[in-house]
């Protein structure tokens, strides 16, 4: 028994859709430069981790716990941005994402931070502070949170940049309105 031509096309469409989604995921985590024939053994540690993340994304799971240990190590700033979009997308789909990370540009986007310390290695292991990135930054003097201390200027710079962008957008909108009334 052979499937009908219409059934073959339906099967091919499903396969092509899946391939396209996986390739899109690769691009979304900054791996658009990889060739399809490249073996896993030839990938760097960061590339290998991101391909595993792509495999997990392709499964389309919800209600899943993802634990990532410093996923931004060795990534270019633009690739970090792409990875953050992917991670936030996982959360939006109903998953939980726990990230062990020292990159403050990543930490500042977290919903909740658990700051372990006070130091690394044998000088750590205690919960120093918990809360939103903003709460850690605001309360770092009381808690002794090094993360909060270093996060404060990063958040301040980010807020200043957002305010400049909002002011510029508002000015452009007002100029457009003014031109429209002329």
Protein backbone atom coordinates (compact mmCIF):
# COMPACT_ATOMS: atom_id res chain seq x y z
CA UNK A 1 0.00 0.00 0.00
CA UNK A 2 1.36 3.38 -1.02
CA UNK A 3 0.06 6.63 0.50
CA UNK A 4 -1.83 8.86 -1.90
CA UNK A 5 0.02 11.89 -3.36
CA UNK A 6 -2.03 14.19 -1.09
CA UNK A 7 -1.07 12.15 1.98
CA UNK A 8 2.62 12.25 0.93
CA UNK A 9 2.43 16.05 0.66
CA UNK A 10 0.85 16.30 4.12
CA UNK A 11 3.64 14.18 5.60
CA UNK A 12 6.30 16.21 3.77
CA UNK A 13 4.73 19.48 4.96
CA UNK A 14 4.88 18.31 8.59
CA UNK A 15 8.53 17.28 8.24
CA UNK A 16 9.51 20.54 6.53
CA UNK A 17 7.70 22.55 9.20
CA UNK A 18 9.63 20.72 11.94
CA UNK A 19 12.97 21.23 10.15
CA UNK A 20 12.21 24.92 9.64
CA UNK A 21 11.32 25.36 13.33
CA UNK A 22 14.56 23.67 14.45
CA UNK A 23 16.63 25.83 12.10
CA UNK A 24 14.83 28.92 13.40
CA UNK A 25 15.67 27.86 16.97
CA UNK A 26 19.34 27.52 15.98
CA UNK A 27 19.28 31.08 14.64
CA UNK A 28 17.46 32.30 17.75
CA UNK A 29 20.28 31.11 20.00
CA UNK A 30 23.01 32.63 17.80
CA UNK A 31 24.06 29.50 15.89
CA UNK A 32 23.03 30.57 12.40
CA UNK A 33 26.62 30.19 11.19
CA UNK A 34 26.76 26.42 11.81
CA UNK A 35 26.62 24.14 8.80
CA UNK A 36 24.21 21.23 8.85
CA UNK A 37 26.88 18.59 8.31
CA UNK A 38 29.01 19.66 11.28
CA UNK A 39 29.53 16.96 13.91
CA UNK A 40 28.76 17.57 17.58
CA UNK A 41 32.37 16.69 18.46
CA UNK A 42 33.59 19.77 16.55
CA UNK A 43 31.42 22.23 18.50
CA UNK A 44 32.66 24.38 21.36
CA UNK A 45 31.16 23.79 24.79
CA UNK A 46 28.85 26.79 24.43
CA UNK A 47 27.71 25.73 20.96
CA UNK A 48 27.03 22.19 22.16
CA UNK A 49 24.98 23.46 25.12
CA UNK A 50 22.94 25.69 22.86
CA UNK A 51 22.25 22.86 20.39
CA UNK A 52 20.95 20.80 23.33
CA UNK A 53 18.74 23.75 24.29
CA UNK A 54 17.45 23.84 20.70
CA UNK A 55 16.58 20.15 20.97
CA UNK A 56 14.65 20.85 24.17
CA UNK A 57 12.88 23.80 22.56
CA UNK A 58 11.92 21.67 19.60
CA UNK A 59 10.17 19.22 21.91
CA UNK A 60 7.64 21.97 22.70
CA UNK A 61 7.28 20.91 26.32
CA UNK A 62 5.38 22.96 28.87
CA UNK A 63 5.52 22.67 32.64
CA UNK A 64 9.19 21.69 32.35
CA UNK A 65 12.03 22.74 34.64
CA UNK A 66 15.16 23.90 32.79
CA UNK A 67 18.36 24.40 34.81
CA UNK A 68 21.17 26.17 32.97
CA UNK A 69 24.64 26.69 34.40
CA UNK A 70 26.17 29.91 33.06
CA UNK A 71 24.69 29.58 29.56
CA UNK A 72 26.16 32.91 28.42
CA UNK A 73 29.81 31.95 29.00
CA UNK A 74 31.78 32.84 25.89
CA UNK A 75 28.83 34.40 24.06
CA UNK A 76 28.91 37.67 22.15
CA UNK A 77 26.56 40.39 23.48
CA UNK A 78 24.12 39.88 20.59
CA UNK A 79 24.04 36.13 21.23
CA UNK A 80 23.31 36.79 24.91
CA UNK A 81 20.36 38.95 23.85
CA UNK A 82 19.06 36.18 21.57
CA UNK A 83 19.48 33.57 24.28
CA UNK A 84 17.55 35.75 26.75
CA UNK A 85 14.68 36.01 24.27
CA UNK A 86 14.61 32.22 24.02
CA UNK A 87 14.71 31.75 27.81
CA UNK A 88 11.93 34.29 28.35
CA UNK A 89 9.97 32.48 25.62
CA UNK A 90 10.29 29.24 27.58
CA UNK A 91 8.85 30.96 30.65
CA UNK A 92 5.99 32.44 28.61
CA UNK A 93 5.12 28.90 27.48
CA UNK A 94 4.63 27.82 31.09
CA UNK A 95 8.09 26.46 31.89
CA UNK A 96 10.37 27.24 34.82
CA UNK A 97 13.91 28.34 34.01
CA UNK A 98 16.62 28.42 36.67
CA UNK A 99 19.85 30.02 35.56
CA UNK A 100 23.11 30.02 37.49
CA UNK A 101 24.73 33.15 36.09
CA UNK A 102 27.22 35.91 36.90
CA UNK A 103 26.49 38.09 33.86
CA UNK A 104 24.64 41.07 35.32
CA UNK A 105 22.93 41.79 31.99
CA UNK A 106 21.26 38.41 32.41
CA UNK A 107 20.60 38.72 36.15
CA UNK A 108 18.83 42.07 35.66
CA UNK A 109 16.20 40.38 33.46
CA UNK A 110 15.31 37.69 36.01
CA UNK A 111 11.90 37.51 37.64
CA UNK A 112 13.51 36.41 40.91
CA UNK A 113 17.10 36.22 42.16
CA UNK A 114 18.57 34.03 44.88
CA UNK A 115 21.95 35.45 45.85
CA UNK A 116 24.26 32.84 47.32
CA UNK A 117 27.38 33.79 49.22
CA UNK A 118 28.75 35.75 50.82
CA UNK A 119 31.85 34.51 48.97
CA UNK A 120 32.61 31.74 46.53
CA UNK A 121 33.76 28.22 47.34
CA UNK A 122 34.00 27.33 51.03
CA UNK A 123 33.14 30.96 51.93
CA UNK A 124 29.71 30.64 50.36
CA UNK A 125 26.66 28.45 50.32
CA UNK A 126 24.37 30.72 52.32
CA UNK A 127 21.36 32.56 50.96
CA UNK A 128 22.32 36.22 51.28
CA UNK A 129 19.30 37.82 49.62
CA UNK A 130 16.26 36.94 47.53
CA UNK A 131 13.92 39.08 45.47
CA UNK A 132 13.60 40.91 42.23
CA UNK A 133 16.78 42.38 40.75
CA UNK A 134 15.53 45.83 41.75
CA UNK A 135 14.93 44.72 45.35
CA UNK A 136 18.41 43.20 45.62
CA UNK A 137 19.97 46.40 44.30
CA UNK A 138 17.93 48.63 46.60
CA UNK A 139 18.62 46.57 49.73
CA UNK A 140 22.25 45.53 49.17
CA UNK A 141 23.64 47.65 52.04
CA UNK A 142 21.41 45.89 54.57
CA UNK A 143 21.81 42.36 53.18
CA UNK A 144 25.48 42.55 52.19
CA UNK A 145 24.58 41.25 48.73
CA UNK A 146 27.51 41.70 46.36
CA UNK A 147 25.15 40.88 43.50
CA UNK A 148 22.81 43.68 44.59
CA UNK A 149 25.75 46.08 44.96
CA UNK A 150 27.05 45.41 41.46
CA UNK A 151 23.55 45.20 39.99
CA UNK A 152 22.54 48.69 41.22
CA UNK A 153 24.57 50.69 38.66
CA UNK A 154 23.67 48.24 35.87
CA UNK A 155 19.96 48.75 36.58
CA UNK A 156 20.43 52.53 36.89
CA UNK A 157 22.17 52.64 33.49
CA UNK A 158 19.49 50.44 31.96
CA UNK A 159 16.71 52.64 33.38
CA UNK A 160 18.45 55.78 32.10
CA UNK A 161 18.72 54.23 28.63
CA UNK A 162 15.02 53.28 28.66
CA UNK A 163 14.10 56.83 29.73
CA UNK A 164 16.19 58.30 26.89
CA UNK A 165 14.55 55.93 24.42
CA UNK A 166 11.08 56.80 25.73
CA UNK A 167 11.83 60.53 25.57
CA UNK A 168 13.12 60.21 22.02
CA UNK A 169 10.07 58.17 20.97
CA UNK A 170 7.78 60.74 22.58
CA UNK A 171 9.58 63.60 20.81
CA UNK A 172 9.31 61.79 17.47
CA UNK A 173 5.62 61.16 18.05
CA UNK A 174 5.00 64.83 18.91
CA UNK A 175 6.91 65.90 15.76
CA UNK A 176 4.80 63.52 13.65
CA UNK A 177 1.61 64.88 15.24
CA UNK A 178 2.77 68.47 14.63
CA UNK A 179 3.51 67.73 10.97
CA UNK A 180 0.15 66.03 10.58
CA UNK A 181 -1.68 69.16 11.82
CA UNK A 182 0.12 71.42 9.34
